[in-house]
Amino acid sequence: MDQQTLYKSLSNVSQCTSGTFLLEEKDTSATLNKVSICNVPIGALIIKMDVIEFDKLFKTTKAWGFNKHSDYLIITDDMLVFIEMKSATEISQKTSNDCLLKFKSDKCTLFYADKIFEEMLSKSPFFENREPHFVLFYQNPPITKTPTSLGTDISVLPNTTPKTFRKIPVANEGTVSFFRTI
């Protein structure tokens, strides 16, 4: 399946035409509700993921998390970038676990979509050959904290599994380069 066919087939999808895209959180209690992504490849697809649900097949439980999804998915010719936005200024274990569940659920959803393309529509899988990246945008603390020790810059470690998602602090209405997410 090609990207144009996918674009015409999906709901909640936009196409990047300017290299910049605004990610928005609609929850009125969110304090991180707008983040711009710049340097997005022209033609990339952006899907609003958190509205996807599988109903009436499984009993919905919070522990499973199969009905939880990240906020956005950016699809390029060779990559998938899953983005979760959190208003928290500190990343707790609970927040990390919530993100992990959402990213795992997203992977399952795309696996399911590929199986539909392959088995039902006789199309080649679309998502399986794209490199995944998992990213959490969280609210930049109001005062910049100075590191107390030298260590590995976690922003350069691979973020290609749900367990190794990248945490990027960002101010509300701030801008993040697409290149930081991969």
Protein backbone atom coordinates (compact mmCIF):
# COMPACT_ATOMS: atom_id res chain seq x y z
CA MET A 1 0.00 0.00 0.00
CA ASP A 2 1.30 3.47 -0.80
CA GLN A 3 1.12 6.58 1.38
CA GLN A 4 -1.50 8.38 -0.78
CA THR A 5 -3.89 5.41 -0.57
CA LEU A 6 -3.37 5.31 3.19
CA TYR A 7 -4.08 9.05 3.42
CA LYS A 8 -7.36 8.61 1.56
CA SER A 9 -8.32 5.63 3.73
CA LEU A 10 -7.74 6.94 7.26
CA SER A 11 -9.83 9.13 9.51
CA ASN A 12 -8.19 11.76 11.75
CA VAL A 13 -5.26 12.23 9.36
CA SER A 14 -3.56 15.37 8.03
CA GLN A 15 -0.78 15.81 5.52
CA CYS A 16 2.16 18.11 6.25
CA THR A 17 2.40 20.65 3.45
CA SER A 18 4.64 23.32 5.02
CA GLY A 19 7.28 21.49 7.06
CA THR A 20 5.64 22.60 10.31
CA PHE A 21 2.72 21.03 12.12
CA LEU A 22 0.85 22.07 15.28
CA LEU A 23 0.12 19.29 17.78
CA GLU A 24 -2.81 20.17 20.02
CA GLU A 25 -4.18 18.65 23.21
CA LYS A 26 -7.91 19.37 23.51
CA ASP A 27 -8.24 18.52 27.22
CA THR A 28 -9.16 21.81 28.91
CA SER A 29 -7.12 20.92 32.01
CA ALA A 30 -3.91 20.39 30.00
CA THR A 31 -1.20 23.00 30.47
CA LEU A 32 0.85 21.60 27.60
CA ASN A 33 -1.75 21.99 24.87
CA LYS A 34 0.14 23.27 21.82
CA VAL A 35 3.51 22.18 20.47
CA SER A 36 4.78 22.96 16.98
CA ILE A 37 6.96 20.44 15.18
CA CYS A 38 9.27 21.97 12.58
CA ASN A 39 11.40 20.26 9.90
CA VAL A 40 8.66 17.69 9.28
CA PRO A 41 9.17 16.12 5.84
CA ILE A 42 6.72 17.51 3.28
CA GLY A 43 4.03 14.92 2.58
CA ALA A 44 4.35 13.24 5.99
CA LEU A 45 1.05 12.04 7.40
CA ILE A 46 0.02 13.03 10.92
CA ILE A 47 -2.63 10.89 12.61
CA LYS A 48 -4.52 11.81 15.77
CA MET A 49 -4.14 8.48 17.61
CA ASP A 50 -5.86 8.98 20.95
CA VAL A 51 -9.34 8.71 19.42
CA ILE A 52 -8.82 5.12 18.21
CA GLU A 53 -10.71 2.47 20.18
CA PHE A 54 -11.53 -1.21 19.85
CA ASP A 55 -14.99 -1.75 21.31
CA LYS A 56 -17.02 -4.81 22.15
CA LEU A 57 -14.25 -7.35 21.46
CA PHE A 58 -12.44 -7.22 24.81
CA LYS A 59 -13.54 -5.92 28.17
CA THR A 60 -11.91 -2.55 28.63
CA THR A 61 -9.59 -2.52 31.64
CA LYS A 62 -7.00 0.07 32.56
CA ALA A 63 -4.42 -2.66 33.25
CA TRP A 64 -4.46 -3.96 29.69
CA GLY A 65 -4.26 -0.56 28.07
CA PHE A 66 -5.28 -1.80 24.60
CA ASN A 67 -7.68 1.14 24.21
CA LYS A 68 -5.02 3.66 25.24
CA HIS A 69 -3.04 5.40 22.53
CA SER A 70 -0.47 8.15 22.22
CA ASP A 71 -1.62 11.53 20.97
CA TYR A 72 -0.05 11.57 17.49
CA LEU A 73 1.68 9.44 14.89
CA ILE A 74 3.85 11.04 12.22
CA ILE A 75 4.43 8.81 9.20
CA THR A 76 7.27 9.51 6.76
CA ASP A 77 8.58 7.41 3.89
CA ASP A 78 10.74 5.36 6.25
CA MET A 79 9.74 6.21 9.83
CA LEU A 80 6.90 6.17 12.35
CA VAL A 81 7.11 8.71 15.18
CA PHE A 82 4.67 8.18 18.05
CA ILE A 83 4.21 11.28 20.23
CA GLU A 84 2.59 11.51 23.64
CA MET A 85 2.05 14.94 25.26
CA LYS A 86 1.92 15.28 29.07
CA SER A 87 1.42 18.42 31.13
CA ALA A 88 3.60 17.05 33.95
CA THR A 89 6.89 18.82 34.73
CA GLU A 90 8.36 15.66 36.29
CA ILE A 91 8.13 12.18 34.81
CA SER A 92 6.97 9.76 37.51
CA GLN A 93 7.02 5.98 37.25
CA LYS A 94 3.23 6.09 36.82
CA THR A 95 3.59 8.47 33.85
CA SER A 96 6.32 6.28 32.33
CA ASN A 97 4.15 3.17 32.72
CA ASP A 98 1.20 4.97 31.13
CA CYS A 99 3.34 5.97 28.14
CA LEU A 100 4.69 2.43 27.82
CA LEU A 101 1.14 1.02 27.69
CA LYS A 102 0.09 3.59 25.08
CA PHE A 103 3.12 2.94 22.86
CA LYS A 104 2.64 -0.85 23.08
CA SER A 105 -1.03 -0.44 22.19
CA ASP A 106 -0.05 1.75 19.21
CA LYS A 107 2.29 -0.97 17.91
CA CYS A 108 -0.51 -3.55 18.18
CA THR A 109 -2.93 -1.25 16.35
CA LEU A 110 -0.53 -0.80 13.42
CA PHE A 111 0.15 -4.55 13.32
CA TYR A 112 -3.62 -5.06 13.10
CA ALA A 113 -3.92 -2.46 10.33
CA ASP A 114 -1.13 -4.15 8.35
CA LYS A 115 -2.91 -7.50 8.69
CA ILE A 116 -6.11 -5.94 7.32
CA PHE A 117 -4.20 -4.47 4.36
CA GLU A 118 -2.54 -7.82 3.68
CA GLU A 119 -5.32 -10.34 4.39
CA MET A 120 -8.47 -8.42 3.50
CA LEU A 121 -7.33 -5.98 0.83
CA SER A 122 -4.47 -7.99 -0.76
CA LYS A 123 -2.13 -5.03 -0.25
CA SER A 124 1.40 -5.14 1.06
CA PRO A 125 1.81 -4.16 4.73
CA PHE A 126 2.37 -0.43 5.13
CA PHE A 127 3.79 0.04 8.62
CA GLU A 128 6.07 -2.98 9.20
CA ASN A 129 9.10 -1.73 7.26
CA ARG A 130 9.20 1.74 8.80
CA GLU A 131 11.51 2.42 11.75
CA PRO A 132 9.48 3.32 14.86
CA HIS A 133 10.40 6.12 17.27
CA PHE A 134 8.63 6.79 20.56
CA VAL A 135 8.61 10.25 22.14
CA LEU A 136 7.12 11.90 25.21
CA PHE A 137 6.79 15.68 25.22
CA TYR A 138 6.41 16.92 28.77
CA GLN A 139 6.05 20.41 30.19
CA ASN A 140 9.37 22.16 30.57
CA PRO A 141 9.98 22.96 34.23
CA PRO A 142 9.59 26.70 34.92
CA ILE A 143 13.18 26.99 36.17
CA THR A 144 15.94 25.33 34.20
CA LYS A 145 17.64 22.75 36.35
CA THR A 146 21.42 22.43 36.18
CA PRO A 147 22.69 18.87 35.92
CA THR A 148 24.71 17.77 38.93
CA SER A 149 26.76 15.16 37.10
CA LEU A 150 28.01 14.44 33.64
CA GLY A 151 26.28 11.54 32.03
CA THR A 152 25.03 10.18 28.76
CA ASP A 153 22.82 12.57 26.83
CA ILE A 154 19.61 10.54 26.74
CA SER A 155 18.35 12.51 23.75
CA VAL A 156 20.83 10.63 21.54
CA LEU A 157 20.04 7.12 22.75
CA PRO A 158 17.86 5.05 20.41
CA ASN A 159 14.14 5.44 21.03
CA THR A 160 13.00 2.64 18.74
CA THR A 161 11.06 0.56 21.29
CA PRO A 162 8.20 1.50 23.62
CA LYS A 163 10.50 0.85 26.61
CA THR A 164 13.20 3.24 25.36
CA PHE A 165 10.97 6.20 24.54
CA ARG A 166 12.65 9.62 24.45
CA LYS A 167 11.58 12.29 26.95
CA ILE A 168 11.73 15.83 25.58
CA PRO A 169 10.87 18.85 27.75
CA VAL A 170 9.03 21.57 25.87
CA ALA A 171 7.28 24.80 26.84
CA ASN A 172 3.61 25.24 26.02
CA GLU A 173 3.36 26.76 22.53
CA GLY A 174 7.03 25.83 22.03
CA THR A 175 8.65 24.33 18.96
CA VAL A 176 10.56 21.07 18.61
CA SER A 177 12.52 19.97 15.56
CA PHE A 178 11.36 16.72 14.01
CA PHE A 179 15.02 15.65 14.04
CA ARG A 180 15.00 15.60 17.88
CA THR A 181 12.27 12.98 17.82
CA ILE A 182 14.26 10.43 15.81
